[in-house]
Amino acid sequence: MFHFGNVPVEALADAVEKHVAKMDEAQLAALLLGALERMPPDAANALVASIFDAFRDRGESSEDAAEGANTTLHALEGGDRSAAGALIRYASENTAVLKESLTCFVREHRDQVHALPAPLIDGISARLQRT
C-alpha cells in the first residue's frame, strides 16, 4: 500500500481532485458506500464532516444536508453508519459534492486517507507517481 505521509497535502489534494474528476458520481458513491462499514469510526466521521464542508461551501447547512438525506444531524454526528450512507447517497445526487468532499477530506483529515476504498487509494497513488 502507498503511504502518503511525506506527500505535501496540496499535492495529495491535487491528486485526489484529478483522480475523482474522471469518476462518475454513482461510481464514487458505490465505492464509498462499500467501504463505509469497514472504515474506522474516526475515518467515517471525517468523511461525514467533509461532506458537510462541501455542502456548506455551496451554501447548504449541515442541518439542510441531513434533512435532504432523510436523516438527522444527531444521527450523523453520532456516527450512525446508515445515516452516513444516506448522506453519501444524497451527496451523490448533487453534482460534484462527493468529489469536493474528498478533496476536503484529504486536506482536513489527512491521517484518515488510508481508510478510503482501495480503488481510490490506488488511483491517488498512481496520480502521485506520475508527477
N, C-alpha and C. Protein backbone atom coordinates (compact mmCIF):
# COMPACT_ATOMS: atom_id res chain seq x y z
N MET A 1 0.84 -1.18 0.00
CA MET A 1 0.00 0.00 0.00
C MET A 1 0.88 1.24 0.00
N PHE A 2 0.46 2.24 -0.72
CA PHE A 2 1.17 3.50 -0.82
C PHE A 2 0.96 4.30 0.46
N HIS A 3 2.02 4.89 0.98
CA HIS A 3 1.92 5.72 2.17
C HIS A 3 2.03 7.18 1.76
N PHE A 4 1.14 7.99 2.28
CA PHE A 4 1.06 9.39 1.89
C PHE A 4 1.70 10.34 2.90
N GLY A 5 2.37 9.79 3.91
CA GLY A 5 2.91 10.59 5.00
C GLY A 5 3.84 11.71 4.59
N ASN A 6 4.67 11.49 3.57
CA ASN A 6 5.61 12.53 3.19
C ASN A 6 5.20 13.26 1.91
N VAL A 7 3.96 13.10 1.50
CA VAL A 7 3.44 13.82 0.34
C VAL A 7 2.84 15.13 0.84
N PRO A 8 3.26 16.27 0.29
CA PRO A 8 2.66 17.54 0.71
C PRO A 8 1.14 17.51 0.53
N VAL A 9 0.44 18.08 1.49
CA VAL A 9 -1.02 18.00 1.48
C VAL A 9 -1.62 18.57 0.19
N GLU A 10 -1.06 19.63 -0.34
CA GLU A 10 -1.60 20.22 -1.58
C GLU A 10 -1.40 19.27 -2.77
N ALA A 11 -0.28 18.57 -2.81
CA ALA A 11 -0.05 17.59 -3.88
C ALA A 11 -1.01 16.42 -3.73
N LEU A 12 -1.26 16.01 -2.50
CA LEU A 12 -2.21 14.93 -2.25
C LEU A 12 -3.62 15.35 -2.65
N ALA A 13 -4.02 16.55 -2.26
CA ALA A 13 -5.35 17.05 -2.61
C ALA A 13 -5.50 17.17 -4.13
N ASP A 14 -4.44 17.63 -4.79
CA ASP A 14 -4.47 17.75 -6.25
C ASP A 14 -4.62 16.37 -6.91
N ALA A 15 -3.92 15.37 -6.38
CA ALA A 15 -4.02 14.02 -6.94
C ALA A 15 -5.43 13.46 -6.75
N VAL A 16 -6.02 13.71 -5.58
CA VAL A 16 -7.39 13.25 -5.33
C VAL A 16 -8.34 13.95 -6.28
N GLU A 17 -8.21 15.25 -6.39
CA GLU A 17 -9.11 16.02 -7.25
C GLU A 17 -9.04 15.53 -8.70
N LYS A 18 -7.85 15.30 -9.20
CA LYS A 18 -7.69 14.84 -10.58
C LYS A 18 -8.20 13.41 -10.76
N HIS A 19 -7.99 12.57 -9.77
CA HIS A 19 -8.44 11.18 -9.89
C HIS A 19 -9.96 11.10 -9.87
N VAL A 20 -10.59 11.76 -8.92
CA VAL A 20 -12.05 11.64 -8.82
C VAL A 20 -12.78 12.44 -9.90
N ALA A 21 -12.10 13.41 -10.51
CA ALA A 21 -12.74 14.21 -11.57
C ALA A 21 -13.21 13.33 -12.72
N LYS A 22 -12.53 12.23 -12.96
CA LYS A 22 -12.87 11.34 -14.07
C LYS A 22 -13.90 10.29 -13.69
N MET A 23 -14.27 10.28 -12.42
CA MET A 23 -15.20 9.26 -11.95
C MET A 23 -16.64 9.75 -12.04
N ASP A 24 -17.52 8.81 -12.24
CA ASP A 24 -18.95 9.07 -12.22
C ASP A 24 -19.40 9.19 -10.76
N GLU A 25 -20.34 10.09 -10.49
CA GLU A 25 -20.82 10.29 -9.12
C GLU A 25 -21.34 8.98 -8.51
N ALA A 26 -22.07 8.22 -9.28
CA ALA A 26 -22.64 6.97 -8.78
C ALA A 26 -21.53 5.96 -8.47
N GLN A 27 -20.51 5.92 -9.31
CA GLN A 27 -19.38 5.02 -9.08
C GLN A 27 -18.65 5.40 -7.79
N LEU A 28 -18.42 6.69 -7.60
CA LEU A 28 -17.75 7.16 -6.40
C LEU A 28 -18.59 6.85 -5.15
N ALA A 29 -19.88 7.09 -5.24
CA ALA A 29 -20.78 6.78 -4.12
C ALA A 29 -20.74 5.29 -3.80
N ALA A 30 -20.76 4.45 -4.83
CA ALA A 30 -20.74 3.00 -4.61
C ALA A 30 -19.45 2.57 -3.90
N LEU A 31 -18.32 3.15 -4.30
CA LEU A 31 -17.06 2.83 -3.63
C LEU A 31 -17.09 3.22 -2.15
N LEU A 32 -17.58 4.42 -1.89
CA LEU A 32 -17.62 4.90 -0.51
C LEU A 32 -18.62 4.10 0.33
N LEU A 33 -19.77 3.81 -0.26
CA LEU A 33 -20.77 3.02 0.47
C LEU A 33 -20.25 1.62 0.76
N GLY A 34 -19.54 1.04 -0.18
CA GLY A 34 -18.98 -0.29 0.00
C GLY A 34 -17.92 -0.35 1.09
N ALA A 35 -17.23 0.76 1.30
CA ALA A 35 -16.16 0.80 2.30
C ALA A 35 -16.63 1.33 3.65
N LEU A 36 -17.79 1.93 3.69
CA LEU A 36 -18.25 2.64 4.89
C LEU A 36 -18.26 1.76 6.13
N GLU A 37 -18.78 0.56 6.05
CA GLU A 37 -18.89 -0.31 7.22
C GLU A 37 -17.52 -0.72 7.77
N ARG A 38 -16.52 -0.78 6.91
CA ARG A 38 -15.18 -1.19 7.33
C ARG A 38 -14.32 -0.03 7.80
N MET A 39 -14.77 1.18 7.56
CA MET A 39 -13.99 2.35 7.96
C MET A 39 -13.95 2.47 9.48
N PRO A 40 -12.78 2.81 10.01
CA PRO A 40 -12.72 3.11 11.44
C PRO A 40 -13.66 4.29 11.74
N PRO A 41 -14.19 4.35 12.95
CA PRO A 41 -15.12 5.43 13.30
C PRO A 41 -14.57 6.83 13.00
N ASP A 42 -13.29 7.06 13.29
CA ASP A 42 -12.72 8.39 13.03
C ASP A 42 -12.75 8.73 11.55
N ALA A 43 -12.49 7.76 10.70
CA ALA A 43 -12.49 7.99 9.26
C ALA A 43 -13.91 8.23 8.75
N ALA A 44 -14.87 7.45 9.23
CA ALA A 44 -16.26 7.64 8.82
C ALA A 44 -16.76 9.02 9.26
N ASN A 45 -16.42 9.41 10.48
CA ASN A 45 -16.82 10.73 10.97
C ASN A 45 -16.15 11.84 10.17
N ALA A 46 -14.90 11.62 9.79
CA ALA A 46 -14.18 12.60 8.97
C ALA A 46 -14.83 12.72 7.59
N LEU A 47 -15.28 11.60 7.04
CA LEU A 47 -15.95 11.64 5.74
C LEU A 47 -17.25 12.43 5.84
N VAL A 48 -18.03 12.17 6.87
CA VAL A 48 -19.28 12.93 7.08
C VAL A 48 -18.97 14.42 7.22
N ALA A 49 -17.97 14.76 8.02
CA ALA A 49 -17.60 16.16 8.21
C ALA A 49 -17.18 16.80 6.88
N SER A 50 -16.48 16.05 6.06
CA SER A 50 -16.03 16.57 4.77
C SER A 50 -17.20 16.77 3.81
N ILE A 51 -18.17 15.88 3.86
CA ILE A 51 -19.37 16.06 3.03
C ILE A 51 -20.12 17.31 3.48
N PHE A 52 -20.24 17.49 4.80
CA PHE A 52 -20.86 18.71 5.31
C PHE A 52 -20.10 19.95 4.84
N ASP A 53 -18.77 19.90 4.86
CA ASP A 53 -17.95 21.02 4.38
C ASP A 53 -18.28 21.35 2.93
N ALA A 54 -18.38 20.32 2.11
CA ALA A 54 -18.68 20.54 0.69
C ALA A 54 -20.06 21.16 0.51
N PHE A 55 -21.03 20.69 1.28
CA PHE A 55 -22.37 21.29 1.21
C PHE A 55 -22.35 22.74 1.69
N ARG A 56 -21.63 23.00 2.78
CA ARG A 56 -21.56 24.38 3.30
C ARG A 56 -20.90 25.31 2.30
N ASP A 57 -19.90 24.81 1.57
CA ASP A 57 -19.26 25.62 0.53
C ASP A 57 -20.25 26.03 -0.55
N ARG A 58 -21.35 25.30 -0.66
CA ARG A 58 -22.39 25.61 -1.63
C ARG A 58 -23.56 26.35 -1.00
N GLY A 59 -23.41 26.70 0.28
CA GLY A 59 -24.45 27.47 0.94
C GLY A 59 -25.53 26.66 1.63
N GLU A 60 -25.31 25.36 1.75
CA GLU A 60 -26.29 24.49 2.40
C GLU A 60 -25.75 24.09 3.77
N SER A 61 -26.55 24.28 4.79
CA SER A 61 -26.10 23.96 6.15
C SER A 61 -26.05 22.45 6.36
N SER A 62 -25.37 22.06 7.42
CA SER A 62 -25.31 20.64 7.78
C SER A 62 -26.71 20.11 8.06
N GLU A 63 -27.53 20.92 8.72
CA GLU A 63 -28.90 20.52 9.01
C GLU A 63 -29.69 20.29 7.73
N ASP A 64 -29.51 21.19 6.76
CA ASP A 64 -30.19 21.04 5.47
C ASP A 64 -29.73 19.77 4.75
N ALA A 65 -28.43 19.50 4.80
CA ALA A 65 -27.90 18.29 4.15
C ALA A 65 -28.45 17.04 4.82
N ALA A 66 -28.51 17.05 6.14
CA ALA A 66 -29.07 15.90 6.87
C ALA A 66 -30.53 15.70 6.49
N GLU A 67 -31.27 16.79 6.44
CA GLU A 67 -32.69 16.71 6.07
C GLU A 67 -32.83 16.20 4.63
N GLY A 68 -32.00 16.69 3.73
CA GLY A 68 -32.04 16.24 2.34
C GLY A 68 -31.75 14.75 2.21
N ALA A 69 -30.95 14.24 3.14
CA ALA A 69 -30.60 12.82 3.15
C ALA A 69 -31.63 11.98 3.91
N ASN A 70 -32.68 12.63 4.37
CA ASN A 70 -33.74 11.96 5.14
C ASN A 70 -33.18 11.30 6.40
N THR A 71 -32.30 12.02 7.08
CA THR A 71 -31.76 11.56 8.35
C THR A 71 -31.65 12.76 9.27
N THR A 72 -31.01 12.57 10.39
CA THR A 72 -30.89 13.67 11.34
C THR A 72 -29.42 14.02 11.56
N LEU A 73 -29.21 15.25 11.91
CA LEU A 73 -27.87 15.71 12.23
C LEU A 73 -27.33 14.94 13.44
N HIS A 74 -28.20 14.68 14.38
CA HIS A 74 -27.82 13.92 15.58
C HIS A 74 -27.30 12.53 15.20
N ALA A 75 -27.98 11.84 14.32
CA ALA A 75 -27.54 10.51 13.89
C ALA A 75 -26.20 10.58 13.17
N LEU A 76 -26.05 11.58 12.31
CA LEU A 76 -24.80 11.72 11.57
C LEU A 76 -23.64 12.06 12.49
N GLU A 77 -23.86 12.98 13.40
CA GLU A 77 -22.80 13.36 14.34
C GLU A 77 -22.51 12.24 15.35
N GLY A 78 -23.48 11.37 15.55
CA GLY A 78 -23.30 10.25 16.47
C GLY A 78 -22.64 9.04 15.84
N GLY A 79 -22.31 9.11 14.57
CA GLY A 79 -21.59 8.02 13.92
C GLY A 79 -22.46 6.91 13.36
N ASP A 80 -23.75 7.16 13.22
CA ASP A 80 -24.66 6.15 12.67
C ASP A 80 -24.28 5.88 11.22
N ARG A 81 -23.90 4.64 10.94
CA ARG A 81 -23.42 4.28 9.59
C ARG A 81 -24.55 4.33 8.55
N SER A 82 -25.76 3.97 8.92
CA SER A 82 -26.85 4.04 7.93
C SER A 82 -27.15 5.49 7.60
N ALA A 83 -27.05 6.38 8.58
CA ALA A 83 -27.23 7.81 8.32
C ALA A 83 -26.11 8.32 7.41
N ALA A 84 -24.88 7.88 7.67
CA ALA A 84 -23.75 8.28 6.81
C ALA A 84 -23.96 7.79 5.38
N GLY A 85 -24.47 6.58 5.24
CA GLY A 85 -24.77 6.06 3.90
C GLY A 85 -25.82 6.90 3.20
N ALA A 86 -26.84 7.31 3.94
CA ALA A 86 -27.87 8.17 3.36
C ALA A 86 -27.28 9.50 2.91
N LEU A 87 -26.35 10.04 3.70
CA LEU A 87 -25.71 11.31 3.34
C LEU A 87 -24.85 11.14 2.09
N ILE A 88 -24.13 10.03 1.99
CA ILE A 88 -23.33 9.77 0.79
C ILE A 88 -24.23 9.68 -0.43
N ARG A 89 -25.34 8.96 -0.32
CA ARG A 89 -26.28 8.86 -1.46
C ARG A 89 -26.84 10.23 -1.84
N TYR A 90 -27.21 11.02 -0.83
CA TYR A 90 -27.73 12.37 -1.10
C TYR A 90 -26.65 13.24 -1.76
N ALA A 91 -25.44 13.15 -1.26
CA ALA A 91 -24.35 13.94 -1.84
C ALA A 91 -24.12 13.55 -3.30
N SER A 92 -24.28 12.27 -3.61
CA SER A 92 -24.04 11.83 -5.00
C SER A 92 -25.10 12.35 -5.96
N GLU A 93 -26.23 12.77 -5.42
CA GLU A 93 -27.30 13.34 -6.25
C GLU A 93 -27.06 14.83 -6.52
N ASN A 94 -26.07 15.40 -5.90
CA ASN A 94 -25.72 16.82 -6.04
C ASN A 94 -24.37 16.91 -6.74
N THR A 95 -24.38 17.39 -7.94
CA THR A 95 -23.21 17.39 -8.80
C THR A 95 -21.94 17.84 -8.09
N ALA A 96 -20.96 16.99 -8.11
CA ALA A 96 -19.59 17.22 -7.64
C ALA A 96 -19.43 17.35 -6.12
N VAL A 97 -20.50 17.20 -5.34
CA VAL A 97 -20.36 17.33 -3.89
C VAL A 97 -19.44 16.24 -3.34
N LEU A 98 -19.63 14.99 -3.76
CA LEU A 98 -18.75 13.93 -3.26
C LEU A 98 -17.30 14.16 -3.67
N LYS A 99 -17.11 14.61 -4.89
CA LYS A 99 -15.76 14.87 -5.37
C LYS A 99 -15.10 15.97 -4.54
N GLU A 100 -15.85 17.04 -4.30
CA GLU A 100 -15.33 18.14 -3.49
C GLU A 100 -15.08 17.69 -2.05
N SER A 101 -15.95 16.82 -1.55
CA SER A 101 -15.80 16.37 -0.17
C SER A 101 -14.53 15.54 0.00
N LEU A 102 -14.13 14.79 -1.01
CA LEU A 102 -12.90 14.01 -0.90
C LEU A 102 -11.67 14.90 -0.90
N THR A 103 -11.72 15.99 -1.62
CA THR A 103 -10.62 16.96 -1.57
C THR A 103 -10.55 17.58 -0.18
N CYS A 104 -11.71 17.93 0.39
CA CYS A 104 -11.76 18.43 1.77
C CYS A 104 -11.21 17.37 2.73
N PHE A 105 -11.60 16.12 2.50
CA PHE A 105 -11.19 15.02 3.36
C PHE A 105 -9.67 14.94 3.47
N VAL A 106 -8.98 14.97 2.34
CA VAL A 106 -7.53 14.83 2.40
C VAL A 106 -6.86 16.08 2.96
N ARG A 107 -7.45 17.23 2.76
CA ARG A 107 -6.87 18.46 3.32
C ARG A 107 -7.05 18.53 4.83
N GLU A 108 -8.21 18.14 5.30
CA GLU A 108 -8.54 18.31 6.71
C GLU A 108 -8.31 17.06 7.56
N HIS A 109 -8.29 15.90 6.94
CA HIS A 109 -8.20 14.64 7.68
C HIS A 109 -7.17 13.70 7.04
N ARG A 110 -6.06 14.25 6.70
CA ARG A 110 -5.00 13.52 6.01
C ARG A 110 -4.66 12.19 6.69
N ASP A 111 -4.73 12.15 8.01
CA ASP A 111 -4.38 10.94 8.74
C ASP A 111 -5.39 9.82 8.55
N GLN A 112 -6.52 10.11 7.89
CA GLN A 112 -7.55 9.10 7.65
C GLN A 112 -7.60 8.63 6.20
N VAL A 113 -6.73 9.15 5.36
CA VAL A 113 -6.75 8.80 3.93
C VAL A 113 -6.61 7.29 3.72
N HIS A 114 -5.85 6.63 4.56
CA HIS A 114 -5.65 5.19 4.43
C HIS A 114 -6.96 4.40 4.51
N ALA A 115 -8.02 4.99 5.07
CA ALA A 115 -9.30 4.30 5.24
C ALA A 115 -10.20 4.40 4.00
N LEU A 116 -9.78 5.16 3.01
CA LEU A 116 -10.57 5.25 1.78
C LEU A 116 -10.54 3.90 1.06
N PRO A 117 -11.52 3.65 0.20
CA PRO A 117 -11.55 2.38 -0.54
C PRO A 117 -10.28 2.17 -1.38
N ALA A 118 -9.86 0.93 -1.48
CA ALA A 118 -8.63 0.59 -2.20
C ALA A 118 -8.58 1.15 -3.62
N PRO A 119 -9.67 1.12 -4.41
CA PRO A 119 -9.56 1.70 -5.76
C PRO A 119 -9.23 3.20 -5.75
N LEU A 120 -9.69 3.91 -4.73
CA LEU A 120 -9.34 5.33 -4.62
C LEU A 120 -7.88 5.49 -4.24
N ILE A 121 -7.45 4.72 -3.27
CA ILE A 121 -6.04 4.77 -2.84
C ILE A 121 -5.13 4.45 -4.02
N ASP A 122 -5.47 3.41 -4.77
CA ASP A 122 -4.66 3.01 -5.93
C ASP A 122 -4.61 4.12 -6.98
N GLY A 123 -5.75 4.73 -7.25
CA GLY A 123 -5.80 5.82 -8.24
C GLY A 123 -5.03 7.04 -7.80
N ILE A 124 -5.14 7.38 -6.52
CA ILE A 124 -4.40 8.52 -5.98
C ILE A 124 -2.90 8.22 -6.05
N SER A 125 -2.53 7.03 -5.68
CA SER A 125 -1.12 6.62 -5.72
C SER A 125 -0.57 6.71 -7.13
N ALA A 126 -1.34 6.23 -8.09
CA ALA A 126 -0.90 6.27 -9.49
C ALA A 126 -0.72 7.71 -9.96
N ARG A 127 -1.63 8.58 -9.56
CA ARG A 127 -1.52 10.01 -9.91
C ARG A 127 -0.25 10.61 -9.34
N LEU A 128 0.02 10.29 -8.09
CA LEU A 128 1.20 10.86 -7.43
C LEU A 128 2.49 10.35 -8.07
N GLN A 129 2.50 9.12 -8.52
CA GLN A 129 3.69 8.55 -9.13
C GLN A 129 3.97 9.16 -10.50
N ARG A 130 2.95 9.72 -11.14
CA ARG A 130 3.13 10.35 -12.45
C ARG A 130 3.73 11.74 -12.34
N THR A 131 3.64 12.33 -11.15
CA THR A 131 4.14 13.70 -11.02
C THR A 131 5.58 13.77 -10.62
